[in-house]
N, C-alpha and C. Protein backbone atom coordinates (compact mmCIF):
# COMPACT_ATOMS: atom_id res chain seq x y z
N MET A 1 -0.75 3.76 -13.42
CA MET A 1 -0.92 2.23 -13.48
C MET A 1 -2.43 2.31 -13.01
N ASN A 2 -3.42 1.27 -13.61
CA ASN A 2 -4.71 1.37 -12.78
C ASN A 2 -4.72 0.31 -11.47
N ALA A 3 -5.72 1.02 -10.87
CA ALA A 3 -5.58 0.19 -9.52
C ALA A 3 -7.31 0.11 -9.09
N ASN A 4 -7.52 -1.09 -8.15
CA ASN A 4 -9.30 -1.44 -8.23
C ASN A 4 -9.68 -0.53 -7.11
N LYS A 5 -8.75 -0.53 -6.18
CA LYS A 5 -8.83 0.49 -5.04
C LYS A 5 -7.79 1.48 -4.57
N VAL A 6 -8.34 2.88 -4.24
CA VAL A 6 -7.16 3.57 -3.63
C VAL A 6 -7.46 3.90 -2.22
N LEU A 7 -6.37 3.79 -1.47
CA LEU A 7 -6.12 3.90 -0.16
C LEU A 7 -5.45 4.95 0.18
N ASP A 8 -5.82 6.21 0.97
CA ASP A 8 -5.35 7.25 1.62
C ASP A 8 -5.06 7.04 3.08
N ALA A 9 -3.87 6.87 3.24
CA ALA A 9 -2.95 6.74 4.52
C ALA A 9 -2.27 8.17 4.73
N LYS A 10 -2.58 9.03 4.12
CA LYS A 10 -1.50 10.25 4.58
C LYS A 10 -1.80 10.85 5.76
N GLY A 11 -0.64 11.48 6.32
CA GLY A 11 -0.92 12.03 7.65
C GLY A 11 -0.82 11.09 8.74
N LEU A 12 -0.93 9.68 8.07
CA LEU A 12 -1.02 8.70 9.30
C LEU A 12 0.61 8.32 9.52
N ALA A 13 0.68 7.77 11.00
CA ALA A 13 1.68 7.16 11.40
C ALA A 13 1.82 5.49 11.55
N CYS A 14 3.10 5.15 11.40
CA CYS A 14 3.10 3.63 11.73
C CYS A 14 2.53 3.40 12.94
N PRO A 15 1.90 2.15 13.41
CA PRO A 15 1.71 1.17 12.02
C PRO A 15 0.49 1.36 11.38
N MET A 16 -0.37 2.51 11.33
CA MET A 16 -1.61 2.53 10.84
C MET A 16 -1.59 2.61 9.69
N PRO A 17 -0.68 3.18 8.49
CA PRO A 17 -1.20 2.73 7.10
C PRO A 17 -1.01 1.18 6.95
N ILE A 18 -0.11 0.50 7.44
CA ILE A 18 -0.02 -1.08 7.35
C ILE A 18 -1.45 -1.50 7.64
N VAL A 19 -2.25 -0.77 8.69
CA VAL A 19 -3.38 -1.67 9.51
C VAL A 19 -4.73 -1.43 8.11
N LYS A 20 -4.43 -0.15 7.79
CA LYS A 20 -5.43 0.34 6.92
C LYS A 20 -5.07 -0.77 5.34
N THR A 21 -3.92 -0.71 4.93
CA THR A 21 -3.63 -1.46 3.88
C THR A 21 -4.27 -2.77 3.85
N LYS A 22 -4.25 -3.61 5.43
CA LYS A 22 -4.71 -5.15 5.45
C LYS A 22 -5.79 -4.78 5.23
N LYS A 23 -6.61 -4.10 6.32
CA LYS A 23 -8.33 -3.92 6.19
C LYS A 23 -8.66 -3.96 4.51
N ALA A 24 -7.73 -2.78 3.47
CA ALA A 24 -8.70 -2.68 2.37
C ALA A 24 -8.22 -3.97 1.54
N MET A 25 -6.92 -4.56 1.56
CA MET A 25 -6.51 -5.70 1.06
C MET A 25 -7.70 -6.76 1.30
N ASN A 26 -7.86 -6.95 2.29
CA ASN A 26 -9.17 -8.11 2.63
C ASN A 26 -10.56 -7.50 1.70
N GLU A 27 -10.22 -6.70 1.17
CA GLU A 27 -11.60 -6.08 0.17
C GLU A 27 -11.67 -6.65 -1.31
N LEU A 28 -10.68 -6.44 -1.74
CA LEU A 28 -10.39 -7.28 -3.21
C LEU A 28 -10.11 -8.68 -3.26
N GLU A 29 -10.29 -8.91 -4.52
CA GLU A 29 -9.91 -10.27 -5.02
C GLU A 29 -8.54 -10.06 -5.27
N SER A 30 -8.14 -11.61 -5.52
CA SER A 30 -6.71 -11.82 -5.87
C SER A 30 -6.41 -11.32 -7.22
N GLY A 31 -5.27 -10.99 -7.59
CA GLY A 31 -4.95 -10.30 -8.52
C GLY A 31 -5.56 -8.60 -8.93
N GLN A 32 -6.24 -8.19 -7.82
CA GLN A 32 -6.49 -6.86 -7.87
C GLN A 32 -5.45 -6.04 -7.27
N VAL A 33 -5.52 -4.90 -7.86
CA VAL A 33 -4.39 -3.97 -7.37
C VAL A 33 -5.17 -2.87 -6.34
N LEU A 34 -4.19 -2.52 -5.34
CA LEU A 34 -4.39 -1.37 -4.02
C LEU A 34 -3.54 -0.34 -4.56
N GLU A 35 -4.00 0.91 -4.54
CA GLU A 35 -3.15 1.70 -4.85
C GLU A 35 -3.26 2.87 -3.05
N ILE A 36 -2.21 2.66 -2.70
CA ILE A 36 -1.89 3.70 -1.64
C ILE A 36 -1.23 4.80 -1.23
N HIS A 37 -1.53 5.82 -0.71
CA HIS A 37 -0.74 7.20 -0.82
C HIS A 37 -0.93 7.40 0.83
N ALA A 38 0.37 7.31 1.37
CA ALA A 38 1.21 7.57 2.61
C ALA A 38 2.11 9.00 2.46
N THR A 39 2.59 9.01 3.94
CA THR A 39 3.05 10.39 4.11
C THR A 39 4.26 10.32 5.18
N ASP A 40 3.83 9.06 5.60
CA ASP A 40 4.76 8.16 6.50
C ASP A 40 5.65 7.44 5.88
N LYS A 41 7.62 7.99 6.25
CA LYS A 41 8.75 7.59 5.52
C LYS A 41 8.97 6.36 5.86
N GLY A 42 8.15 5.68 6.76
CA GLY A 42 8.67 4.43 7.31
C GLY A 42 8.10 3.51 6.17
N ALA A 43 6.91 3.92 5.73
CA ALA A 43 5.83 3.12 4.96
C ALA A 43 6.76 2.47 3.81
N LYS A 44 7.30 3.06 3.41
CA LYS A 44 8.37 2.38 2.32
C LYS A 44 8.88 1.08 2.35
N ALA A 45 9.85 0.98 3.82
CA ALA A 45 10.44 -0.09 3.89
C ALA A 45 8.75 -1.30 4.60
N ASP A 46 8.34 -0.60 4.89
CA ASP A 46 7.35 -1.25 6.05
C ASP A 46 6.45 -2.52 5.03
N LEU A 47 5.69 -1.13 4.29
CA LEU A 47 4.73 -1.61 2.81
C LEU A 47 5.46 -2.59 1.97
N ALA A 48 6.71 -2.87 1.69
CA ALA A 48 7.43 -3.70 1.04
C ALA A 48 7.38 -4.92 1.55
N ALA A 49 7.71 -4.97 3.04
CA ALA A 49 7.64 -6.14 3.84
C ALA A 49 6.51 -6.67 3.93
N TRP A 50 5.96 -6.09 4.52
CA TRP A 50 4.16 -6.41 4.51
C TRP A 50 3.84 -6.96 3.26
N ALA A 51 3.78 -6.47 2.23
CA ALA A 51 3.29 -7.35 0.87
C ALA A 51 4.20 -8.58 0.77
N LYS A 52 5.22 -8.46 0.98
CA LYS A 52 5.90 -9.81 0.73
C LYS A 52 5.99 -10.89 1.56
N SER A 53 5.51 -10.68 2.81
CA SER A 53 5.19 -11.52 3.85
C SER A 53 4.04 -12.17 3.37
N GLY A 54 3.19 -11.08 3.60
CA GLY A 54 1.46 -11.05 3.40
C GLY A 54 1.36 -12.15 1.68
N GLY A 55 2.38 -12.26 0.92
CA GLY A 55 2.34 -13.30 -0.33
C GLY A 55 1.82 -12.21 -1.47
N HIS A 56 1.74 -10.72 -1.35
CA HIS A 56 1.31 -9.87 -2.11
C HIS A 56 2.47 -9.33 -2.90
N GLU A 57 2.26 -8.62 -3.91
CA GLU A 57 3.54 -8.20 -5.24
C GLU A 57 3.08 -6.77 -4.94
N LEU A 58 4.25 -6.36 -4.49
CA LEU A 58 4.60 -4.55 -4.78
C LEU A 58 4.84 -4.42 -6.10
N LEU A 59 4.30 -3.72 -6.78
CA LEU A 59 4.26 -3.71 -8.51
C LEU A 59 5.23 -2.26 -8.53
N ASP A 60 4.74 -1.32 -7.87
CA ASP A 60 5.55 -0.28 -8.14
C ASP A 60 5.59 0.88 -7.05
N GLN A 61 6.33 1.74 -6.88
CA GLN A 61 6.08 2.64 -5.78
C GLN A 61 6.72 4.17 -6.46
N ALA A 62 6.55 4.95 -6.10
CA ALA A 62 6.84 6.46 -6.30
C ALA A 62 6.32 7.31 -4.99
N GLU A 63 7.46 8.49 -5.60
CA GLU A 63 7.29 9.72 -4.84
C GLU A 63 6.71 11.06 -5.41
N GLU A 64 5.65 11.65 -5.09
CA GLU A 64 5.45 12.64 -5.27
C GLU A 64 5.18 13.36 -4.87
N GLY A 65 6.50 14.99 -4.63
CA GLY A 65 6.26 15.43 -3.57
C GLY A 65 6.59 14.92 -2.16
N ASN A 66 5.47 15.17 -1.25
CA ASN A 66 5.59 14.38 0.16
C ASN A 66 4.76 13.36 0.37
N VAL A 67 4.48 12.94 -0.73
CA VAL A 67 3.32 11.58 -0.78
C VAL A 67 3.90 10.51 -1.46
N LEU A 68 4.17 9.29 -0.50
CA LEU A 68 4.61 7.98 -1.23
C LEU A 68 3.51 7.20 -1.79
N LYS A 69 3.53 7.09 -3.26
CA LYS A 69 2.53 6.20 -3.66
C LYS A 69 2.95 4.51 -3.82
N PHE A 70 2.28 3.29 -4.00
CA PHE A 70 2.66 2.28 -3.69
C PHE A 70 1.93 1.46 -4.25
N TRP A 71 1.79 0.23 -5.35
CA TRP A 71 0.83 -0.37 -5.88
C TRP A 71 0.82 -1.79 -5.91
N ILE A 72 0.16 -2.96 -4.96
CA ILE A 72 0.52 -3.37 -4.50
C ILE A 72 -0.90 -4.44 -5.03
N LYS A 73 -0.56 -5.53 -5.50
CA LYS A 73 -1.25 -6.58 -6.08
C LYS A 73 -1.54 -7.80 -5.31
N LYS A 74 -2.96 -8.13 -4.98
CA LYS A 74 -3.53 -8.94 -4.12
C LYS A 74 -2.97 -10.34 -4.55
N GLY A 75 -2.48 -11.43 -3.69
CA GLY A 75 -1.85 -12.58 -3.92
C GLY A 75 -2.86 -13.60 -3.75
């Protein structure tokens, strides 16, 4: 999946992946996609809930080894 920006949040504990995601999202235009890489298992539920509450769309998520990958489209 093509992303306009990639955020490396690996090794960060909650709530830092969300904080970094929010900051990165503010730099994108509406409709652009942010790809997030995280290792905190809590990010799975947190990012989905955050995207929904912020009016963004969680396009996809995948797990590669111990890295969780998310693609969120800015609302």
